[in-house]
Structure formats: C-alpha cells, structure tokens
C-alpha atoms as a PDB file:
ATOM      1  CA  MET A   1      -0.977 -10.329 -27.523  1.00  0.00           C
ATOM      2  CA  ALA A   2      -3.693  -7.716 -28.048  1.00  0.00           C
ATOM      3  CA  SER A   3      -6.156  -9.703 -25.943  1.00  0.00           C
ATOM      4  CA  SER A   4      -3.698  -9.987 -23.049  1.00  0.00           C
ATOM      5  CA  VAL A   5      -3.068  -6.226 -23.133  1.00  0.00           C
ATOM      6  CA  ASP A   6      -6.808  -5.568 -23.200  1.00  0.00           C
ATOM      7  CA  GLU A   7      -7.305  -7.915 -20.250  1.00  0.00           C
ATOM      8  CA  SER A   8      -4.549  -6.145 -18.282  1.00  0.00           C
ATOM      9  CA  ASN A   9      -6.138  -2.747 -18.952  1.00  0.00           C
ATOM     10  CA  LYS A  10      -9.507  -4.160 -17.934  1.00  0.00           C
ATOM     11  CA  ASP A  11      -8.076  -5.363 -14.624  1.00  0.00           C
ATOM     12  CA  VAL A  12      -6.700  -1.900 -13.878  1.00  0.00           C
ATOM     13  CA  LEU A  13      -9.926  -0.118 -14.794  1.00  0.00           C
ATOM     14  CA  GLU A  14     -12.097  -2.504 -12.793  1.00  0.00           C
ATOM     15  CA  GLN A  15     -10.166  -2.102  -9.543  1.00  0.00           C
ATOM     16  CA  GLU A  16     -12.245  -0.290  -6.964  1.00  0.00           C
ATOM     17  CA  PRO A  17     -10.775   2.049  -4.337  1.00  0.00           C
ATOM     18  CA  PRO A  18     -11.441  -0.442  -1.481  1.00  0.00           C
ATOM     19  CA  GLU A  19      -9.262  -3.018  -3.283  1.00  0.00           C
ATOM     20  CA  ILE A  20      -6.439  -0.517  -3.664  1.00  0.00           C
ATOM     21  CA  ALA A  21      -6.811   0.532  -0.025  1.00  0.00           C
ATOM     22  CA  ASP A  22      -6.642  -3.110   1.100  1.00  0.00           C
ATOM     23  CA  ARG A  23      -3.363  -3.485  -0.764  1.00  0.00           C
ATOM     24  CA  ALA A  24      -2.092  -0.267   0.850  1.00  0.00           C
ATOM     25  CA  SER A  25      -3.015  -1.565   4.290  1.00  0.00           C
ATOM     26  CA  ASP A  26      -1.197  -4.864   3.728  1.00  0.00           C
ATOM     27  CA  VAL A  27       1.983  -3.094   2.634  1.00  0.00           C
ATOM     28  CA  GLY A  28       1.574  -0.496   5.376  1.00  0.00           C
ATOM     29  CA  ARG A  29       1.507  -3.139   8.116  1.00  0.00           C
ATOM     30  CA  GLU A  30       4.779  -4.573   6.835  1.00  0.00           C
ATOM     31  CA  ARG A  31       6.386  -1.138   6.534  1.00  0.00           C
ATOM     32  CA  LEU A  32       5.407  -0.172  10.071  1.00  0.00           C
ATOM     33  CA  SER A  33       6.758  -3.467  11.426  1.00  0.00           C
ATOM     34  CA  ARG A  34      10.299  -2.913  10.162  1.00  0.00           C
ATOM     35  CA  GLY A  35      13.129  -2.101  12.516  1.00  0.00           C
ATOM     36  CA  ASN A  36      14.437   1.453  12.686  1.00  0.00           C
ATOM     37  CA  LEU A  37      17.858   0.455  11.354  1.00  0.00           C
ATOM     38  CA  ASP A  38      16.276  -1.138   8.284  1.00  0.00           C
ATOM     39  CA  THR A  39      14.184   1.980   7.688  1.00  0.00           C
ATOM     40  CA  LEU A  40      17.150   4.293   8.240  1.00  0.00           C
ATOM     41  CA  LEU A  41      19.413   2.468   5.783  1.00  0.00           C
ATOM     42  CA  THR A  42      16.670   2.123   3.173  1.00  0.00           C
ATOM     43  CA  ALA A  43      15.873   5.831   3.463  1.00  0.00           C
ATOM     44  CA  ALA A  44      19.550   6.849   3.284  1.00  0.00           C
ATOM     45  CA  ILE A  45      19.839   4.925   0.031  1.00  0.00           C
ATOM     46  CA  GLY A  46      16.682   6.679  -1.179  1.00  0.00           C
ATOM     47  CA  GLY A  47      18.186  10.080  -0.381  1.00  0.00           C
ATOM     48  CA  ALA A  48      21.341   9.216  -2.318  1.00  0.00           C
ATOM     49  CA  GLU A  49      19.315   7.957  -5.277  1.00  0.00           C
ATOM     50  CA  VAL A  50      17.060  10.993  -5.490  1.00  0.00           C
ATOM     51  CA  SER A  51      20.284  13.042  -5.433  1.00  0.00           C
ATOM     52  CA  MET A  52      21.354  11.142  -8.567  1.00  0.00           C
ATOM     53  CA  GLY A  53      18.142  12.313 -10.201  1.00  0.00           C
ATOM     54  CA  GLY A  54      19.004  15.820  -9.060  1.00  0.00           C
ATOM     55  CA  LEU A  55      22.458  15.488 -10.608  1.00  0.00           C
ATOM     56  CA  ALA A  56      20.986  14.312 -13.915  1.00  0.00           C
ATOM     57  CA  SER A  57      18.553  17.215 -14.002  1.00  0.00           C
ATOM     58  CA  MET A  58      21.171  19.791 -12.996  1.00  0.00           C
ATOM     59  CA  ALA A  59      23.429  18.551 -15.798  1.00  0.00           C
ATOM     60  CA  VAL A  60      20.634  19.471 -18.230  1.00  0.00           C
ATOM     61  CA  VAL A  61      19.635  22.707 -16.479  1.00  0.00           C
ATOM     62  CA  GLY A  62      23.212  23.913 -16.125  1.00  0.00           C
ATOM     63  CA  SER A  63      24.094  23.054 -19.709  1.00  0.00           C
ATOM     64  CA  ALA A  64      20.989  24.830 -21.014  1.00  0.00           C
ATOM     65  CA  LEU A  65      21.749  27.980 -18.998  1.00  0.00           C
ATOM     66  CA  ALA A  66      25.381  27.942 -20.133  1.00  0.00           C
ATOM     67  CA  ALA A  67      24.434  27.452 -23.788  1.00  0.00           C
ATOM     68  CA  ALA A  68      21.809  30.211 -23.691  1.00  0.00           C
ATOM     69  CA  PRO A  69      22.913  32.827 -21.104  1.00  0.00           C
ATOM     70  CA  GLY A  70      19.646  34.748 -21.365  1.00  0.00           C
ATOM     71  CA  LEU A  71      17.516  31.675 -20.734  1.00  0.00           C
ATOM     72  CA  ASP A  72      15.092  31.880 -17.823  1.00  0.00           C
ATOM     73  CA  LEU A  73      15.233  29.165 -15.153  1.00  0.00           C
ATOM     74  CA  TYR A  74      11.805  27.716 -15.939  1.00  0.00           C
ATOM     75  CA  PRO A  75      12.511  26.690 -19.561  1.00  0.00           C
ATOM     76  CA  ALA A  76      15.683  25.065 -18.252  1.00  0.00           C
ATOM     77  CA  LEU A  77      13.654  23.224 -15.596  1.00  0.00           C
ATOM     78  CA  ALA A  78      11.260  22.018 -18.285  1.00  0.00           C
ATOM     79  CA  LEU A  79      14.249  20.420 -20.016  1.00  0.00           C
ATOM     80  CA  GLY A  80      15.795  19.157 -16.787  1.00  0.00           C
ATOM     81  CA  GLY A  81      12.485  17.530 -15.868  1.00  0.00           C
ATOM     82  CA  LEU A  82      13.080  15.014 -18.639  1.00  0.00           C
ATOM     83  CA  ALA A  83      16.112  13.686 -16.747  1.00  0.00           C
ATOM     84  CA  PHE A  84      14.959  14.086 -13.153  1.00  0.00           C
ATOM     85  CA  PRO A  85      12.642  11.004 -13.024  1.00  0.00           C
ATOM     86  CA  ILE A  86      15.799   8.857 -13.145  1.00  0.00           C
ATOM     87  CA  GLY A  87      16.031   9.435  -9.388  1.00  0.00           C
ATOM     88  CA  PHE A  88      12.445   8.350  -8.708  1.00  0.00           C
ATOM     89  CA  LEU A  89      12.901   5.270 -10.879  1.00  0.00           C
ATOM     90  CA  LEU A  90      15.956   4.287  -8.837  1.00  0.00           C
ATOM     91  CA  VAL A  91      14.101   4.843  -5.565  1.00  0.00           C
ATOM     92  CA  ILE A  92      10.790   3.173  -6.383  1.00  0.00           C
ATOM     93  CA  LEU A  93      11.828   0.300  -8.627  1.00  0.00           C
ATOM     94  CA  GLY A  94      14.928  -0.344  -6.498  1.00  0.00           C
ATOM     95  CA  ARG A  95      12.812  -0.622  -3.321  1.00  0.00           C
ATOM     96  CA  SER A  96      14.533   2.126  -1.420  1.00  0.00           C
ATOM     97  CA  GLU A  97      12.408   4.802   0.238  1.00  0.00           C
ATOM     98  CA  LEU A  98      11.486   8.473   0.299  1.00  0.00           C
ATOM     99  CA  PHE A  99       9.895  10.172   3.280  1.00  0.00           C
ATOM    100  CA  THR A 100       6.992  11.301   1.088  1.00  0.00           C
ATOM    101  CA  GLU A 101       6.162   7.710   0.098  1.00  0.00           C
ATOM    102  CA  ASN A 102       4.858   7.213   3.636  1.00  0.00           C
ATOM    103  CA  PHE A 103       1.914   9.601   3.405  1.00  0.00           C
ATOM    104  CA  LEU A 104      -0.552   6.963   2.190  1.00  0.00           C
ATOM    105  CA  ILE A 105       0.352   3.307   2.662  1.00  0.00           C
ATOM    106  CA  PRO A 106       1.159   3.306   6.409  1.00  0.00           C
ATOM    107  CA  VAL A 107      -1.543   5.932   7.042  1.00  0.00           C
ATOM    108  CA  VAL A 108      -4.179   3.479   5.782  1.00  0.00           C
ATOM    109  CA  ALA A 109      -2.840   0.770   8.110  1.00  0.00           C
ATOM    110  CA  VAL A 110      -3.025   3.152  11.089  1.00  0.00           C
ATOM    111  CA  PHE A 111      -6.503   4.342  10.118  1.00  0.00           C
ATOM    112  CA  ASN A 112      -7.635   0.693  10.053  1.00  0.00           C
ATOM    113  CA  ARG A 113      -6.173   0.327  13.579  1.00  0.00           C
ATOM    114  CA  GLU A 114      -3.724  -2.324  12.421  1.00  0.00           C
ATOM    115  CA  ARG A 115      -0.766  -0.315  13.690  1.00  0.00           C
ATOM    116  CA  SER A 116      -0.362   2.574  16.152  1.00  0.00           C
ATOM    117  CA  LEU A 117      -0.115   6.282  15.433  1.00  0.00           C
ATOM    118  CA  LEU A 118       3.177   6.330  17.318  1.00  0.00           C
ATOM    119  CA  SER A 119       4.655   3.774  14.904  1.00  0.00           C
ATOM    120  CA  LEU A 120       3.642   6.032  11.997  1.00  0.00           C
ATOM    121  CA  VAL A 121       5.278   9.121  13.538  1.00  0.00           C
ATOM    122  CA  GLU A 122       8.400   7.058  14.213  1.00  0.00           C
ATOM    123  CA  LEU A 123       8.484   5.869  10.594  1.00  0.00           C
ATOM    124  CA  TRP A 124       8.140   9.427   9.353  1.00  0.00           C
ATOM    125  CA  GLY A 125      10.936  10.663  11.607  1.00  0.00           C
ATOM    126  CA  VAL A 126      13.407   7.886  10.813  1.00  0.00           C
ATOM    127  CA  SER A 127      12.763   7.962   7.055  1.00  0.00           C
ATOM    128  CA  TRP A 128      13.040  11.782   6.984  1.00  0.00           C
ATOM    129  CA  PHE A 129      16.372  11.682   8.804  1.00  0.00           C
ATOM    130  CA  GLY A 130      17.658   8.843   6.600  1.00  0.00           C
ATOM    131  CA  ASN A 131      16.703  10.668   3.411  1.00  0.00           C
ATOM    132  CA  LEU A 132      18.399  13.838   4.599  1.00  0.00           C
ATOM    133  CA  ALA A 133      21.549  11.924   5.556  1.00  0.00           C
ATOM    134  CA  GLY A 134      21.699  10.353   2.091  1.00  0.00           C
ATOM    135  CA  CYS A 135      21.208  13.738   0.414  1.00  0.00           C
ATOM    136  CA  ALA A 136      23.874  15.324   2.637  1.00  0.00           C
ATOM    137  CA  ALA A 137      26.404  12.575   1.883  1.00  0.00           C
ATOM    138  CA  MET A 138      25.891  12.988  -1.854  1.00  0.00           C
ATOM    139  CA  ALA A 139      26.085  16.776  -1.513  1.00  0.00           C
ATOM    140  CA  LEU A 140      29.444  16.518   0.240  1.00  0.00           C
ATOM    141  CA  LEU A 141      30.751  14.340  -2.582  1.00  0.00           C
ATOM    142  CA  LEU A 142      29.402  16.599  -5.321  1.00  0.00           C
ATOM    143  CA  SER A 143      30.787  19.711  -3.598  1.00  0.00           C
ATOM    144  CA  LEU A 144      34.390  18.509  -3.704  1.00  0.00           C
ATOM    145  CA  PRO A 145      36.576  20.529  -6.114  1.00  0.00           C
ATOM    146  CA  GLN A 146      36.281  19.324  -9.723  1.00  0.00           C
ATOM    147  CA  ALA A 147      33.717  16.659  -8.784  1.00  0.00           C
ATOM    148  CA  ILE A 148      31.265  18.126 -11.308  1.00  0.00           C
ATOM    149  CA  GLY A 149      31.749  20.526 -14.183  1.00  0.00           C
ATOM    150  CA  GLU A 150      31.225  24.254 -13.839  1.00  0.00           C
ATOM    151  CA  PRO A 151      28.089  24.283 -16.048  1.00  0.00           C
ATOM    152  CA  ILE A 152      26.480  21.644 -13.808  1.00  0.00           C
ATOM    153  CA  LEU A 153      27.446  23.595 -10.690  1.00  0.00           C
ATOM    154  CA  GLY A 154      25.886  26.634 -12.370  1.00  0.00           C
ATOM    155  CA  GLY A 155      22.613  24.724 -12.546  1.00  0.00           C
ATOM    156  CA  TYR A 156      22.740  24.003  -8.822  1.00  0.00           C
ATOM    157  CA  ARG A 157      23.553  27.651  -8.130  1.00  0.00           C
ATOM    158  CA  ALA A 158      20.674  29.005 -10.254  1.00  0.00           C
ATOM    159  CA  TYR A 159      18.209  26.567  -8.647  1.00  0.00           C
ATOM    160  CA  ALA A 160      19.324  27.506  -5.122  1.00  0.00           C
ATOM    161  CA  GLU A 161      19.212  31.239  -5.848  1.00  0.00           C
ATOM    162  CA  TYR A 162      15.614  30.932  -6.974  1.00  0.00           C
ATOM    163  CA  LYS A 163      14.300  28.498  -4.354  1.00  0.00           C
ATOM    164  CA  LEU A 164      15.884  30.216  -1.358  1.00  0.00           C
ATOM    165  CA  ALA A 165      14.461  33.588  -2.431  1.00  0.00           C
ATOM    166  CA  VAL A 166      10.851  32.348  -2.407  1.00  0.00           C
ATOM    167  CA  PRO A 167       8.882  33.718   0.588  1.00  0.00           C
ATOM    168  CA  LEU A 168       7.855  31.144   3.195  1.00  0.00           C
ATOM    169  CA  PRO A 169       4.121  31.139   2.269  1.00  0.00           C
ATOM    170  CA  GLY A 170       5.106  30.357  -1.323  1.00  0.00           C
ATOM    171  CA  VAL A 171       7.323  27.486  -0.187  1.00  0.00           C
ATOM    172  CA  LEU A 172       4.488  26.065   1.920  1.00  0.00           C
ATOM    173  CA  ALA A 173       1.914  26.284  -0.871  1.00  0.00           C
ATOM    174  CA  SER A 174       4.292  24.739  -3.399  1.00  0.00           C
ATOM    175  CA  ALA A 175       5.138  21.978  -0.901  1.00  0.00           C
ATOM    176  CA  VAL A 176       1.456  21.151  -0.376  1.00  0.00           C
ATOM    177  CA  LEU A 177       1.159  20.587  -4.124  1.00  0.00           C
ATOM    178  CA  ALA A 178       4.325  18.450  -4.147  1.00  0.00           C
ATOM    179  CA  GLY A 179       3.008  16.270  -1.324  1.00  0.00           C
ATOM    180  CA  ALA A 180      -0.267  15.793  -3.180  1.00  0.00           C
ATOM    181  CA  VAL A 181       1.546  14.780  -6.388  1.00  0.00           C
ATOM    182  CA  MET A 182       3.712  12.228  -4.570  1.00  0.00           C
ATOM    183  CA  THR A 183       0.797  10.665  -2.687  1.00  0.00           C
ATOM    184  CA  ALA A 184      -1.337  10.519  -5.829  1.00  0.00           C
ATOM    185  CA  LEU A 185       1.585   8.672  -7.439  1.00  0.00           C
ATOM    186  CA  THR A 186       1.695   6.197  -4.538  1.00  0.00           C
ATOM    187  CA  TRP A 187      -2.029   5.465  -4.959  1.00  0.00           C
ATOM    188  CA  LEU A 188      -1.584   5.005  -8.695  1.00  0.00           C
ATOM    189  CA  LEU A 189       1.358   2.641  -8.268  1.00  0.00           C
ATOM    190  CA  LEU A 190      -0.791   0.434  -6.033  1.00  0.00           C
ATOM    191  CA  ALA A 191      -3.379   0.209  -8.811  1.00  0.00           C
ATOM    192  CA  LEU A 192      -0.975  -0.506 -11.683  1.00  0.00           C
ATOM    193  CA  PRO A 193       0.041  -4.169 -12.071  1.00  0.00           C
ATOM    194  CA  GLU A 194       2.561  -3.821 -14.911  1.00  0.00           C
ATOM    195  CA  ALA A 195       6.124  -2.510 -14.611  1.00  0.00           C
ATOM    196  CA  LEU A 196       5.781  -0.419 -17.786  1.00  0.00           C
ATOM    197  CA  GLY A 197       2.716   1.332 -16.414  1.00  0.00           C
ATOM    198  CA  LYS A 198       4.489   2.021 -13.131  1.00  0.00           C
ATOM    199  CA  MET A 199       7.471   3.493 -14.985  1.00  0.00           C
ATOM    200  CA  ALA A 200       5.210   5.769 -17.022  1.00  0.00           C
ATOM    201  CA  ALA A 201       3.472   6.985 -13.853  1.00  0.00           C
ATOM    202  CA  ILE A 202       6.808   7.614 -12.131  1.00  0.00           C
ATOM    203  CA  PHE A 203       8.078   9.593 -15.113  1.00  0.00           C
ATOM    204  CA  ALA A 204       4.887  11.686 -15.299  1.00  0.00           C
ATOM    205  CA  ALA A 205       4.916  12.560 -11.584  1.00  0.00           C
ATOM    206  CA  GLY A 206       8.663  13.222 -11.565  1.00  0.00           C
ATOM    207  CA  TYR A 207       8.429  15.488 -14.590  1.00  0.00           C
ATOM    208  CA  LEU A 208       5.501  17.464 -13.159  1.00  0.00           C
ATOM    209  CA  LEU A 209       7.241  17.868  -9.815  1.00  0.00           C
ATOM    210  CA  PHE A 210      10.505  19.128 -11.289  1.00  0.00           C
ATOM    211  CA  ALA A 211       9.361  21.103 -14.335  1.00  0.00           C
ATOM    212  CA  ALA A 212       6.738  22.962 -12.273  1.00  0.00           C
ATOM    213  CA  ASN A 213       9.418  23.608  -9.608  1.00  0.00           C
ATOM    214  CA  LEU A 214       7.259  22.220  -6.791  1.00  0.00           C
ATOM    215  CA  SER A 215       8.839  22.076  -3.347  1.00  0.00           C
ATOM    216  CA  HIS A 216       9.514  18.449  -2.465  1.00  0.00           C
ATOM    217  CA  SER A 217      11.517  18.417   0.772  1.00  0.00           C
ATOM    218  CA  MET A 218      14.082  15.809  -0.258  1.00  0.00           C
ATOM    219  CA  VAL A 219      14.325  16.747  -3.923  1.00  0.00           C
ATOM    220  CA  GLY A 220      14.992  20.291  -2.779  1.00  0.00           C
ATOM    221  CA  ALA A 221      17.491  19.110  -0.180  1.00  0.00           C
ATOM    222  CA  ALA A 222      19.382  17.099  -2.809  1.00  0.00           C
ATOM    223  CA  VAL A 223      19.938  20.226  -4.918  1.00  0.00           C
ATOM    224  CA  LEU A 224      20.067  22.990  -2.306  1.00  0.00           C
ATOM    225  CA  LEU A 225      22.732  21.267  -0.189  1.00  0.00           C
ATOM    226  CA  VAL A 226      25.045  21.522  -3.201  1.00  0.00           C
ATOM    227  CA  GLY A 227      23.948  24.918  -4.495  1.00  0.00           C
ATOM    228  CA  PHE A 228      23.499  27.043  -1.360  1.00  0.00           C
ATOM    229  CA  GLY A 229      27.194  27.942  -1.021  1.00  0.00           C
ATOM    230  CA  PRO A 230      27.711  29.088  -4.626  1.00  0.00           C
ATOM    231  CA  ALA A 231      24.387  30.970  -4.313  1.00  0.00           C
ATOM    232  CA  HIS A 232      25.757  32.837  -1.250  1.00  0.00           C
ATOM    233  CA  HIS A 233      23.246  31.481   1.260  1.00  0.00           C
ATOM    234  CA  GLY A 234      23.846  29.893   4.639  1.00  0.00           C
ATOM    235  CA  LEU A 235      23.046  26.367   5.768  1.00  0.00           C
ATOM    236  CA  ALA A 236      20.359  27.803   8.089  1.00  0.00           C
ATOM    237  CA  ASP A 237      18.483  29.053   4.999  1.00  0.00           C
ATOM    238  CA  VAL A 238      18.502  25.540   3.549  1.00  0.00           C
ATOM    239  CA  LEU A 239      17.338  23.899   6.791  1.00  0.00           C
ATOM    240  CA  THR A 240      14.523  26.449   7.153  1.00  0.00           C
ATOM    241  CA  TRP A 241      13.429  25.695   3.591  1.00  0.00           C
ATOM    242  CA  ILE A 242      13.553  21.924   4.164  1.00  0.00           C
ATOM    243  CA  LEU A 243      11.454  22.156   7.342  1.00  0.00           C
ATOM    244  CA  ALA A 244       8.871  24.372   5.634  1.00  0.00           C
ATOM    245  CA  ALA A 245       8.712  22.030   2.645  1.00  0.00           C
ATOM    246  CA  THR A 246       8.369  19.028   4.964  1.00  0.00           C
ATOM    247  CA  ALA A 247       5.369  20.595   6.701  1.00  0.00           C
ATOM    248  CA  GLY A 248       3.730  21.435   3.381  1.00  0.00           C
ATOM    249  CA  ASN A 249       4.426  17.965   1.978  1.00  0.00           C
ATOM    250  CA  LEU A 250       2.682  16.397   4.986  1.00  0.00           C
ATOM    251  CA  VAL A 251      -0.370  18.618   4.585  1.00  0.00           C
ATOM    252  CA  GLY A 252      -0.626  17.941   0.866  1.00  0.00           C
ATOM    253  CA  GLY A 253       0.076  14.226   1.024  1.00  0.00           C
ATOM    254  CA  VAL A 254      -1.950  13.259   4.070  1.00  0.00           C
ATOM    255  CA  GLY A 255      -4.596  15.985   4.063  1.00  0.00           C
ATOM    256  CA  LEU A 256      -5.316  16.473   0.369  1.00  0.00           C
ATOM    257  CA  VAL A 257      -4.890  12.915  -0.871  1.00  0.00           C
ATOM    258  CA  ALA A 258      -4.631  10.167   1.764  1.00  0.00           C
ATOM    259  CA  LEU A 259      -7.518  11.235   3.997  1.00  0.00           C
ATOM    260  CA  ILE A 260      -9.749  12.007   1.023  1.00  0.00           C
ATOM    261  CA  ARG A 261      -8.996   8.592  -0.516  1.00  0.00           C
ATOM    262  CA  ILE A 262      -9.755   6.917   2.824  1.00  0.00           C
ATOM    263  CA  ALA A 263     -13.061   8.827   2.976  1.00  0.00           C
ATOM    264  CA  GLN A 264     -13.827   7.700  -0.579  1.00  0.00           C
ATOM    265  CA  VAL A 265     -13.195   4.076   0.395  1.00  0.00           C
ATOM    266  CA  LYS A 266     -15.421   4.346   3.479  1.00  0.00           C
ATOM    267  CA  ALA A 267     -18.209   5.930   1.427  1.00  0.00           C
ATOM    268  CA  LYS A 268     -18.088   3.106  -1.100  1.00  0.00           C
ATOM    269  CA  GLN A 269     -18.127   0.492   1.655  1.00  0.00           C
ATOM    270  CA  LEU A 270     -21.165   2.103   3.293  1.00  0.00           C
ATOM    271  CA  ALA A 271     -22.960   2.204  -0.057  1.00  0.00           C
ATOM    272  CA  GLN A 272     -22.551  -1.558  -0.593  1.00  0.00           C
END
C-alpha cells in the first residue's frame, strides 16, 4: 500500500507543465465543441449547486452571528468557509460547470489554434448566463417565506450589507484574486490523478475564497440575490456588483494564471 501511494505521489510530482497543458487542451477542445443547450443546462445546474454551498455557509455564518451578536463578519466567514466547499464539490465532482472554470482549459485550446476565439467568447457568455439563471432560481426558492430560518437569513443579510458597501475598485481587486484562485485550482485538478487529492484541493480553494471574502461572481450572486432585499439594496446594486466581479474574475483567471501558465509551457518547450 505504501509503495502504491509513493508511486502515485511520484507521478504527480514528475508531471511537467507541458503535460498538464496537453490535458487541458484535450478537454478544452471537447468543451468548446458542445452545443449551447448542453452548456446552458450544465451551467444552470452549476449555479444551483454553488448556491447550495452558499446555503451551507450562510447557515454557519448566520448561526454564529445569532449566537454571538457582537461577532464581526470575518470570524463568521472563517467558520462558514468550512461548509462552503460543499458547493464546489457538487459542481466539480458532479461534472456541472461554473463560468470561472473556463478561464484555463478552453483558453489553452484556443491558444493552440484548435478552436476559435469566437467559440471561447460564446462559451463564456452561455456559461455565465446559465450560472446566473441557476443562482436566481435558487434565490427565488430560498426567498419564499419560511423557506429558511431567520438566523440563516441573517447571514445572507450581513453578507449582502458588507459586499454591496465595498467600493467598486475594491470589488475589482478582490475579484481578480478570486479569478486567480479558481484558475489555479483548475490547473491543479488537471495535475492530480486521485479523487482524494482533488477533493482536498477543492476544499482548500473553496475555503480560501470564502473565508477571505474574495469576490467570485457566481458565489457572490448565489448569496447576494437572497440577501439584497433584507439588506435594503436594489437589484441594480447586485447586478452592478456581479458585472464588476465578472470583469475582475476574467482578469485574474486569464491574465494572472492562464496566460502565465501558457508562457511557462512555451518556455519549457523552447528549452528542450
């Protein structure tokens, strides 16, 4: 048993970036060849599932704030971060899709000229809309009277009050970091062969994203679409936040991680 574990670890450590990029390109070609209806449905499911992670985390956050009325939001988020990765596990292991998962794999395929830039933009647009539709459907359900307990609703309200008060430059900077975290996770998942390793990586990225209160467009949408009313904000405030977070996620995911990884791969290939 020990030797097989050692061999598995060796395989992971010996993988070079060009091998990981080749795997990304293969998956990217398939993803960019799917029909729009397939992408839309898969993304809608992903939006609903990340909303379940939001519900799990808000149950913890709201309960912590209710139990300790003087508690600041960030300690509550640190606790809620332990539950939030449930949503990412559902999305990634269940083969549904988040908009931010498409900042690396299909980008590599387009960079290798295996698919067109237009197909990538189309994938981004359809998956973004599908995610938002899934989040909105879950938000409508959770917003019905007595659907969730008052302490949980209090968690949504506190989260929305904080996030919607952040100035736009702060949202953008936080979203750049969130996009980088998600795309780094995508790269890591390509390199990890074992399910247990993938689950650990998903938990680590999900915890960092939520506990540090980074601005992931669809994670934010899942919570803000429930909490904006109790927090006395309008839907326009939420949509403005989502669009700003989307722009920052793209910059962080594609600019800070995907393009740098592609450059790393090209440099290694030239050195061979």
